[in-house]
């Protein structure tokens, strides 16, 4: 899931996929703006066949936090 999520991230920001870690912060490290984040999450919903709760994900800042959340949704 992490590798596929990195591909989705790279559709929105110009960054080397190898430099993306679970500790990477979307805004500070990867250069996302809030619009890009929402679009990227929409792509992730389609790719992983999940439904994201916007309130739950709003406070998540790192790639790892979001992946952990996705993992819980995939297993439901």
C-alpha atoms as a PDB file:
ATOM      1  CA  UNK A   1       0.000   0.000   0.000  1.00  0.00           C
ATOM      2  CA  UNK A   2       2.865   2.375   0.822  1.00  0.00           C
ATOM      3  CA  UNK A   3       4.410   2.094  -2.659  1.00  0.00           C
ATOM      4  CA  UNK A   4       1.075   2.711  -4.381  1.00  0.00           C
ATOM      5  CA  UNK A   5       0.356   5.654  -2.072  1.00  0.00           C
ATOM      6  CA  UNK A   6       3.739   7.150  -2.984  1.00  0.00           C
ATOM      7  CA  UNK A   7       2.731   6.933  -6.661  1.00  0.00           C
ATOM      8  CA  UNK A   8      -0.490   8.811  -5.885  1.00  0.00           C
ATOM      9  CA  UNK A   9       1.456  11.456  -3.924  1.00  0.00           C
ATOM     10  CA  UNK A  10       3.819  11.958  -6.868  1.00  0.00           C
ATOM     11  CA  UNK A  11       0.858  12.736  -9.121  1.00  0.00           C
ATOM     12  CA  UNK A  12       0.406  15.937  -7.100  1.00  0.00           C
ATOM     13  CA  UNK A  13       3.896  17.098  -6.156  1.00  0.00           C
ATOM     14  CA  UNK A  14       7.212  16.865  -7.932  1.00  0.00           C
ATOM     15  CA  UNK A  15       9.285  14.801  -5.559  1.00  0.00           C
ATOM     16  CA  UNK A  16      11.419  11.686  -5.805  1.00  0.00           C
ATOM     17  CA  UNK A  17       9.278   8.775  -4.554  1.00  0.00           C
ATOM     18  CA  UNK A  18      12.323   7.378  -2.757  1.00  0.00           C
ATOM     19  CA  UNK A  19      12.480  10.503  -0.584  1.00  0.00           C
ATOM     20  CA  UNK A  20       8.945   9.936   0.755  1.00  0.00           C
ATOM     21  CA  UNK A  21       8.907   8.256   4.155  1.00  0.00           C
ATOM     22  CA  UNK A  22       6.173   7.486   6.645  1.00  0.00           C
ATOM     23  CA  UNK A  23       7.435  10.474   8.656  1.00  0.00           C
ATOM     24  CA  UNK A  24       7.047  12.863   5.702  1.00  0.00           C
ATOM     25  CA  UNK A  25       4.620  15.696   6.445  1.00  0.00           C
ATOM     26  CA  UNK A  26       2.309  16.533   3.563  1.00  0.00           C
ATOM     27  CA  UNK A  27       2.535  20.317   3.774  1.00  0.00           C
ATOM     28  CA  UNK A  28       5.929  20.980   5.359  1.00  0.00           C
ATOM     29  CA  UNK A  29       7.987  18.232   3.656  1.00  0.00           C
ATOM     30  CA  UNK A  30       6.131  17.377   0.456  1.00  0.00           C
ATOM     31  CA  UNK A  31       4.764  20.809  -0.486  1.00  0.00           C
ATOM     32  CA  UNK A  32       1.067  19.966  -0.594  1.00  0.00           C
ATOM     33  CA  UNK A  33      -1.627  22.604  -0.238  1.00  0.00           C
ATOM     34  CA  UNK A  34      -5.041  21.784   1.201  1.00  0.00           C
ATOM     35  CA  UNK A  35      -6.671  21.455  -2.232  1.00  0.00           C
ATOM     36  CA  UNK A  36      -4.001  18.991  -3.385  1.00  0.00           C
ATOM     37  CA  UNK A  37      -4.489  16.952  -0.222  1.00  0.00           C
ATOM     38  CA  UNK A  38      -8.230  16.643  -0.789  1.00  0.00           C
ATOM     39  CA  UNK A  39      -7.756  15.623  -4.437  1.00  0.00           C
ATOM     40  CA  UNK A  40      -5.045  13.131  -3.516  1.00  0.00           C
ATOM     41  CA  UNK A  41      -7.284  11.583  -0.852  1.00  0.00           C
ATOM     42  CA  UNK A  42     -10.043  11.228  -3.444  1.00  0.00           C
ATOM     43  CA  UNK A  43      -7.639   9.304  -5.675  1.00  0.00           C
ATOM     44  CA  UNK A  44      -6.644   7.128  -2.720  1.00  0.00           C
ATOM     45  CA  UNK A  45     -10.313   6.342  -2.013  1.00  0.00           C
ATOM     46  CA  UNK A  46     -10.737   5.103  -5.580  1.00  0.00           C
ATOM     47  CA  UNK A  47      -7.437   3.206  -5.665  1.00  0.00           C
ATOM     48  CA  UNK A  48      -7.876   1.392  -2.356  1.00  0.00           C
ATOM     49  CA  UNK A  49     -11.697   1.113  -2.529  1.00  0.00           C
ATOM     50  CA  UNK A  50     -12.204   2.859   0.811  1.00  0.00           C
ATOM     51  CA  UNK A  51     -14.327   5.710   2.141  1.00  0.00           C
ATOM     52  CA  UNK A  52     -12.414   8.360   4.053  1.00  0.00           C
ATOM     53  CA  UNK A  53     -14.008  10.189   6.981  1.00  0.00           C
ATOM     54  CA  UNK A  54     -12.901  13.803   6.446  1.00  0.00           C
ATOM     55  CA  UNK A  55     -13.220  14.639  10.150  1.00  0.00           C
ATOM     56  CA  UNK A  56     -10.971  11.750  11.202  1.00  0.00           C
ATOM     57  CA  UNK A  57      -8.311  12.476   8.618  1.00  0.00           C
ATOM     58  CA  UNK A  58      -8.276  16.265   9.093  1.00  0.00           C
ATOM     59  CA  UNK A  59      -5.728  16.183  11.915  1.00  0.00           C
ATOM     60  CA  UNK A  60      -3.341  13.758  10.248  1.00  0.00           C
ATOM     61  CA  UNK A  61      -0.127  15.377   9.081  1.00  0.00           C
ATOM     62  CA  UNK A  62       2.190  12.533   8.035  1.00  0.00           C
ATOM     63  CA  UNK A  63       2.159   9.850   5.368  1.00  0.00           C
ATOM     64  CA  UNK A  64       2.395   7.182   8.085  1.00  0.00           C
ATOM     65  CA  UNK A  65      -0.649   8.458   9.964  1.00  0.00           C
ATOM     66  CA  UNK A  66      -2.731   8.374   6.808  1.00  0.00           C
ATOM     67  CA  UNK A  67      -1.463   4.909   5.839  1.00  0.00           C
ATOM     68  CA  UNK A  68      -2.318   3.555   9.268  1.00  0.00           C
ATOM     69  CA  UNK A  69      -5.825   4.985   8.910  1.00  0.00           C
ATOM     70  CA  UNK A  70      -6.154   3.483   5.405  1.00  0.00           C
ATOM     71  CA  UNK A  71      -5.016   0.111   6.717  1.00  0.00           C
ATOM     72  CA  UNK A  72      -7.857   0.095   9.226  1.00  0.00           C
ATOM     73  CA  UNK A  73     -10.358   0.884   6.474  1.00  0.00           C
ATOM     74  CA  UNK A  74      -9.085  -1.794   4.113  1.00  0.00           C
ATOM     75  CA  UNK A  75      -9.438  -4.443   6.808  1.00  0.00           C
ATOM     76  CA  UNK A  76     -13.038  -3.510   7.681  1.00  0.00           C
END
